[in-house]
Each structure stands twice: as structure tokens, then as C-alpha cells.
PDB file of N, CA and C in Angstrom:
ATOM      1  N   UNK A   1      36.186   2.345  12.176  1.00  0.00           N
ATOM      2  CA  UNK A   1      34.917   2.961  11.832  1.00  0.00           C
ATOM      3  C   UNK A   1      34.552   3.990  12.942  1.00  0.00           C
ATOM      4  N   UNK A   2      34.083   5.131  12.558  1.00  0.00           N
ATOM      5  CA  UNK A   2      33.754   6.171  13.520  1.00  0.00           C
ATOM      6  C   UNK A   2      32.413   5.863  14.203  1.00  0.00           C
ATOM      7  N   UNK A   3      32.171   6.517  15.280  1.00  0.00           N
ATOM      8  CA  UNK A   3      30.934   6.432  15.981  1.00  0.00           C
ATOM      9  C   UNK A   3      29.746   6.876  15.057  1.00  0.00           C
ATOM     10  N   UNK A   4      30.014   7.996  14.258  1.00  0.00           N
ATOM     11  CA  UNK A   4      28.990   8.523  13.398  1.00  0.00           C
ATOM     12  C   UNK A   4      28.617   7.449  12.340  1.00  0.00           C
ATOM     13  N   UNK A   5      29.617   6.726  11.791  1.00  0.00           N
ATOM     14  CA  UNK A   5      29.372   5.754  10.796  1.00  0.00           C
ATOM     15  C   UNK A   5      28.578   4.560  11.390  1.00  0.00           C
ATOM     16  N   UNK A   6      28.916   4.133  12.598  1.00  0.00           N
ATOM     17  CA  UNK A   6      28.174   3.024  13.187  1.00  0.00           C
ATOM     18  C   UNK A   6      26.759   3.390  13.475  1.00  0.00           C
ATOM     19  N   UNK A   7      26.567   4.654  13.968  1.00  0.00           N
ATOM     20  CA  UNK A   7      25.171   5.188  14.186  1.00  0.00           C
ATOM     21  C   UNK A   7      24.398   5.215  12.896  1.00  0.00           C
ATOM     22  N   UNK A   8      24.940   5.706  11.776  1.00  0.00           N
ATOM     23  CA  UNK A   8      24.305   5.808  10.503  1.00  0.00           C
ATOM     24  C   UNK A   8      23.844   4.450  10.010  1.00  0.00           C
ATOM     25  N   UNK A   9      24.723   3.431  10.075  1.00  0.00           N
ATOM     26  CA  UNK A   9      24.386   2.097   9.657  1.00  0.00           C
ATOM     27  C   UNK A   9      23.311   1.534  10.509  1.00  0.00           C
ATOM     28  N   UNK A  10      23.486   1.721  11.838  1.00  0.00           N
ATOM     29  CA  UNK A  10      22.475   1.190  12.750  1.00  0.00           C
ATOM     30  C   UNK A  10      21.155   1.787  12.589  1.00  0.00           C
ATOM     31  N   UNK A  11      21.030   3.117  12.387  1.00  0.00           N
ATOM     32  CA  UNK A  11      19.740   3.774  12.160  1.00  0.00           C
ATOM     33  C   UNK A  11      19.087   3.326  10.892  1.00  0.00           C
ATOM     34  N   UNK A  12      19.871   3.192   9.821  1.00  0.00           N
ATOM     35  CA  UNK A  12      19.319   2.724   8.529  1.00  0.00           C
ATOM     36  C   UNK A  12      18.820   1.296   8.729  1.00  0.00           C
ATOM     37  N   UNK A  13      19.518   0.456   9.358  1.00  0.00           N
ATOM     38  CA  UNK A  13      19.079  -0.958   9.548  1.00  0.00           C
ATOM     39  C   UNK A  13      17.776  -0.966  10.320  1.00  0.00           C
ATOM     40  N   UNK A  14      17.679  -0.176  11.418  1.00  0.00           N
ATOM     41  CA  UNK A  14      16.473  -0.158  12.260  1.00  0.00           C
ATOM     42  C   UNK A  14      15.291   0.409  11.498  1.00  0.00           C
ATOM     43  N   UNK A  15      15.509   1.422  10.693  1.00  0.00           N
ATOM     44  CA  UNK A  15      14.404   2.033   9.898  1.00  0.00           C
ATOM     45  C   UNK A  15      13.900   0.968   8.882  1.00  0.00           C
ATOM     46  N   UNK A  16      14.810   0.321   8.233  1.00  0.00           N
ATOM     47  CA  UNK A  16      14.414  -0.714   7.191  1.00  0.00           C
ATOM     48  C   UNK A  16      13.682  -1.849   7.831  1.00  0.00           C
ATOM     49  N   UNK A  17      14.190  -2.336   8.951  1.00  0.00           N
ATOM     50  CA  UNK A  17      13.505  -3.431   9.718  1.00  0.00           C
ATOM     51  C   UNK A  17      12.122  -3.010  10.153  1.00  0.00           C
ATOM     52  N   UNK A  18      12.012  -1.831  10.632  1.00  0.00           N
ATOM     53  CA  UNK A  18      10.658  -1.301  11.050  1.00  0.00           C
ATOM     54  C   UNK A  18       9.722  -1.252   9.889  1.00  0.00           C
ATOM     55  N   UNK A  19      10.239  -0.858   8.726  1.00  0.00           N
ATOM     56  CA  UNK A  19       9.397  -0.786   7.502  1.00  0.00           C
ATOM     57  C   UNK A  19       8.935  -2.182   7.118  1.00  0.00           C
ATOM     58  N   UNK A  20       9.805  -3.106   7.131  1.00  0.00           N
ATOM     59  CA  UNK A  20       9.380  -4.464   6.707  1.00  0.00           C
ATOM     60  C   UNK A  20       8.349  -5.016   7.673  1.00  0.00           C
ATOM     61  N   UNK A  21       8.537  -4.817   8.968  1.00  0.00           N
ATOM     62  CA  UNK A  21       7.561  -5.322   9.942  1.00  0.00           C
ATOM     63  C   UNK A  21       6.222  -4.679   9.724  1.00  0.00           C
ATOM     64  N   UNK A  22       6.219  -3.376   9.486  1.00  0.00           N
ATOM     65  CA  UNK A  22       5.024  -2.593   9.239  1.00  0.00           C
ATOM     66  C   UNK A  22       4.259  -3.075   8.039  1.00  0.00           C
ATOM     67  N   UNK A  23       4.997  -3.207   6.962  1.00  0.00           N
ATOM     68  CA  UNK A  23       4.316  -3.664   5.711  1.00  0.00           C
ATOM     69  C   UNK A  23       3.843  -5.095   5.807  1.00  0.00           C
ATOM     70  N   UNK A  24       4.519  -5.933   6.478  1.00  0.00           N
ATOM     71  CA  UNK A  24       4.071  -7.335   6.614  1.00  0.00           C
ATOM     72  C   UNK A  24       2.855  -7.451   7.490  1.00  0.00           C
ATOM     73  N   UNK A  25       2.705  -6.550   8.484  1.00  0.00           N
ATOM     74  CA  UNK A  25       1.608  -6.569   9.439  1.00  0.00           C
ATOM     75  C   UNK A  25       0.325  -5.948   8.947  1.00  0.00           C
ATOM     76  N   UNK A  26       0.369  -5.157   7.896  1.00  0.00           N
ATOM     77  CA  UNK A  26      -0.869  -4.485   7.489  1.00  0.00           C
ATOM     78  C   UNK A  26      -1.102  -4.686   6.008  1.00  0.00           C
ATOM     79  N   UNK A  27      -2.394  -4.631   5.651  1.00  0.00           N
ATOM     80  CA  UNK A  27      -2.738  -4.792   4.218  1.00  0.00           C
ATOM     81  C   UNK A  27      -2.802  -3.413   3.523  1.00  0.00           C
ATOM     82  N   UNK A  28      -2.653  -2.402   4.288  1.00  0.00           N
ATOM     83  CA  UNK A  28      -2.585  -1.052   3.741  1.00  0.00           C
ATOM     84  C   UNK A  28      -1.535  -0.217   4.525  1.00  0.00           C
ATOM     85  N   UNK A  29      -1.067   0.810   3.925  1.00  0.00           N
ATOM     86  CA  UNK A  29       0.041   1.499   4.551  1.00  0.00           C
ATOM     87  C   UNK A  29      -0.440   2.681   5.431  1.00  0.00           C
ATOM     88  N   UNK A  30      -0.266   2.505   6.785  1.00  0.00           N
ATOM     89  CA  UNK A  30      -0.632   3.468   7.749  1.00  0.00           C
ATOM     90  C   UNK A  30       0.687   4.062   8.182  1.00  0.00           C
ATOM     91  N   UNK A  31       0.734   5.397   8.130  1.00  0.00           N
ATOM     92  CA  UNK A  31       1.983   6.089   8.575  1.00  0.00           C
ATOM     93  C   UNK A  31       3.103   6.058   7.556  1.00  0.00           C
ATOM     94  N   UNK A  32       2.737   5.943   6.303  1.00  0.00           N
ATOM     95  CA  UNK A  32       3.680   5.950   5.195  1.00  0.00           C
ATOM     96  C   UNK A  32       4.551   7.230   5.235  1.00  0.00           C
ATOM     97  N   UNK A  33       3.929   8.293   5.584  1.00  0.00           N
ATOM     98  CA  UNK A  33       4.733   9.566   5.667  1.00  0.00           C
ATOM     99  C   UNK A  33       5.842   9.471   6.654  1.00  0.00           C
ATOM    100  N   UNK A  34       5.594   8.874   7.789  1.00  0.00           N
ATOM    101  CA  UNK A  34       6.598   8.713   8.852  1.00  0.00           C
ATOM    102  C   UNK A  34       7.705   7.797   8.406  1.00  0.00           C
ATOM    103  N   UNK A  35       7.313   6.699   7.729  1.00  0.00           N
ATOM    104  CA  UNK A  35       8.374   5.795   7.183  1.00  0.00           C
ATOM    105  C   UNK A  35       9.185   6.440   6.139  1.00  0.00           C
ATOM    106  N   UNK A  36       8.531   7.239   5.263  1.00  0.00           N
ATOM    107  CA  UNK A  36       9.292   7.916   4.226  1.00  0.00           C
ATOM    108  C   UNK A  36      10.295   8.886   4.903  1.00  0.00           C
ATOM    109  N   UNK A  37       9.846   9.675   5.889  1.00  0.00           N
ATOM    110  CA  UNK A  37      10.687  10.575   6.572  1.00  0.00           C
ATOM    111  C   UNK A  37      11.910   9.880   7.270  1.00  0.00           C
ATOM    112  N   UNK A  38      11.627   8.713   7.854  1.00  0.00           N
ATOM    113  CA  UNK A  38      12.658   7.946   8.539  1.00  0.00           C
ATOM    114  C   UNK A  38      13.677   7.463   7.468  1.00  0.00           C
ATOM    115  N   UNK A  39      13.225   6.981   6.323  1.00  0.00           N
ATOM    116  CA  UNK A  39      14.119   6.493   5.245  1.00  0.00           C
ATOM    117  C   UNK A  39      14.968   7.655   4.681  1.00  0.00           C
ATOM    118  N   UNK A  40      14.327   8.804   4.541  1.00  0.00           N
ATOM    119  CA  UNK A  40      15.093   9.988   4.042  1.00  0.00           C
ATOM    120  C   UNK A  40      16.155  10.378   4.991  1.00  0.00           C
ATOM    121  N   UNK A  41      15.860  10.325   6.304  1.00  0.00           N
ATOM    122  CA  UNK A  41      16.867  10.694   7.375  1.00  0.00           C
ATOM    123  C   UNK A  41      17.949   9.695   7.296  1.00  0.00           C
ATOM    124  N   UNK A  42      17.621   8.443   7.146  1.00  0.00           N
ATOM    125  CA  UNK A  42      18.755   7.408   7.035  1.00  0.00           C
ATOM    126  C   UNK A  42      19.625   7.585   5.870  1.00  0.00           C
ATOM    127  N   UNK A  43      19.002   7.851   4.733  1.00  0.00           N
ATOM    128  CA  UNK A  43      19.806   8.115   3.511  1.00  0.00           C
ATOM    129  C   UNK A  43      20.755   9.296   3.728  1.00  0.00           C
ATOM    130  N   UNK A  44      20.299  10.338   4.353  1.00  0.00           N
ATOM    131  CA  UNK A  44      21.099  11.488   4.595  1.00  0.00           C
ATOM    132  C   UNK A  44      22.239  11.159   5.546  1.00  0.00           C
ATOM    133  N   UNK A  45      21.982  10.400   6.659  1.00  0.00           N
ATOM    134  CA  UNK A  45      22.998   9.995   7.517  1.00  0.00           C
ATOM    135  C   UNK A  45      24.032   9.158   6.845  1.00  0.00           C
ATOM    136  N   UNK A  46      23.619   8.250   5.962  1.00  0.00           N
ATOM    137  CA  UNK A  46      24.553   7.419   5.230  1.00  0.00           C
ATOM    138  C   UNK A  46      25.420   8.168   4.303  1.00  0.00           C
ATOM    139  N   UNK A  47      24.833   9.155   3.628  1.00  0.00           N
ATOM    140  CA  UNK A  47      25.597  10.018   2.685  1.00  0.00           C
ATOM    141  C   UNK A  47      26.567  10.846   3.448  1.00  0.00           C
ATOM    142  N   UNK A  48      26.191  11.354   4.613  1.00  0.00           N
ATOM    143  CA  UNK A  48      27.010  12.200   5.384  1.00  0.00           C
ATOM    144  C   UNK A  48      28.190  11.360   5.967  1.00  0.00           C
ATOM    145  N   UNK A  49      27.967  10.204   6.380  1.00  0.00           N
ATOM    146  CA  UNK A  49      28.971   9.340   7.038  1.00  0.00           C
ATOM    147  C   UNK A  49      29.862   8.642   6.000  1.00  0.00           C
ATOM    148  N   UNK A  50      29.238   8.382   4.841  1.00  0.00           N
ATOM    149  CA  UNK A  50      29.972   7.647   3.736  1.00  0.00           C
ATOM    150  C   UNK A  50      29.881   8.455   2.453  1.00  0.00           C
ATOM    151  N   UNK A  51      30.628   9.543   2.328  1.00  0.00           N
ATOM    152  CA  UNK A  51      30.535  10.423   1.152  1.00  0.00           C
ATOM    153  C   UNK A  51      30.847   9.661  -0.140  1.00  0.00           C
ATOM    154  N   UNK A  52      31.533   8.579  -0.094  1.00  0.00           N
ATOM    155  CA  UNK A  52      31.838   7.852  -1.297  1.00  0.00           C
ATOM    156  C   UNK A  52      30.642   7.280  -1.964  1.00  0.00           C
ATOM    157  N   UNK A  53      29.529   7.177  -1.238  1.00  0.00           N
ATOM    158  CA  UNK A  53      28.288   6.665  -1.830  1.00  0.00           C
ATOM    159  C   UNK A  53      27.837   7.526  -2.949  1.00  0.00           C
ATOM    160  N   UNK A  54      28.042   8.840  -2.781  1.00  0.00           N
ATOM    161  CA  UNK A  54      27.596   9.812  -3.779  1.00  0.00           C
ATOM    162  C   UNK A  54      28.557   9.857  -5.004  1.00  0.00           C
ATOM    163  N   UNK A  55      29.815   9.457  -4.814  1.00  0.00           N
ATOM    164  CA  UNK A  55      30.753   9.497  -5.875  1.00  0.00           C
ATOM    165  C   UNK A  55      30.354   8.658  -7.050  1.00  0.00           C
ATOM    166  N   UNK A  56      29.827   7.461  -6.768  1.00  0.00           N
ATOM    167  CA  UNK A  56      29.415   6.600  -7.818  1.00  0.00           C
ATOM    168  C   UNK A  56      28.235   7.146  -8.590  1.00  0.00           C
ATOM    169  N   UNK A  57      27.252   7.753  -7.868  1.00  0.00           N
ATOM    170  CA  UNK A  57      26.121   8.286  -8.453  1.00  0.00           C
ATOM    171  C   UNK A  57      26.526   9.556  -9.315  1.00  0.00           C
ATOM    172  N   UNK A  58      27.251  10.403  -8.710  1.00  0.00           N
ATOM    173  CA  UNK A  58      27.718  11.591  -9.455  1.00  0.00           C
ATOM    174  C   UNK A  58      28.569  11.278 -10.659  1.00  0.00           C
ATOM    175  N   UNK A  59      29.375  10.257 -10.543  1.00  0.00           N
ATOM    176  CA  UNK A  59      30.282   9.857 -11.646  1.00  0.00           C
ATOM    177  C   UNK A  59      29.523   9.284 -12.800  1.00  0.00           C
ATOM    178  N   UNK A  60      28.318   8.642 -12.530  1.00  0.00           N
ATOM    179  CA  UNK A  60      27.536   7.986 -13.555  1.00  0.00           C
ATOM    180  C   UNK A  60      26.729   8.970 -14.450  1.00  0.00           C
ATOM    181  N   UNK A  61      26.649  10.298 -14.014  1.00  0.00           N
ATOM    182  CA  UNK A  61      25.814  11.291 -14.777  1.00  0.00           C
ATOM    183  C   UNK A  61      26.568  11.611 -16.073  1.00  0.00           C
ATOM    184  N   UNK A  62      25.709  11.770 -17.102  1.00  0.00           N
ATOM    185  CA  UNK A  62      26.238  12.238 -18.408  1.00  0.00           C
ATOM    186  C   UNK A  62      26.637  13.754 -18.323  1.00  0.00           C
ATOM    187  N   UNK A  63      27.738  14.127 -18.957  1.00  0.00           N
ATOM    188  CA  UNK A  63      28.076  15.501 -18.920  1.00  0.00           C
ATOM    189  C   UNK A  63      27.048  16.401 -19.665  1.00  0.00           C
ATOM    190  N   UNK A  64      26.735  17.625 -19.268  1.00  0.00           N
ATOM    191  CA  UNK A  64      25.706  18.378 -19.939  1.00  0.00           C
ATOM    192  C   UNK A  64      26.343  19.256 -20.932  1.00  0.00           C
TER     193      UNK A  64
END
């Protein structure tokens, strides 16, 4: 596994853990925009590090 792959997995895990802790600690969502941005960044990192993730999604689309 490359350093980029390990970093992508680690960042995604940390972002998700932070989201869980945040949502459990509050009855309303404060900083949802920051959490959304962090999740989007993690998704991009995962897609960049593991391009095969997109293959399943793209392969499932109906031809136009």
C-alpha cells in the first residue's frame, strides 16, 4: 500500500470519527458545513488513491 493510500484511509477514518463524536455530543448540528467539506475532501482522497472505487459506480450506470 502506498503512503498516499494510507493517508487517504487515515484521513477518511479521522473525519468520520470526528463526525460521530460531534453528532453524539450535540442535539443540533454546529459546523455542519465544515464536516461536509471534510467528508468531501476524504471522498476525493479515496477516489484519487483507489480509482477502482469509481469503476463500480460508473459501470452501474445505464447507457444513454
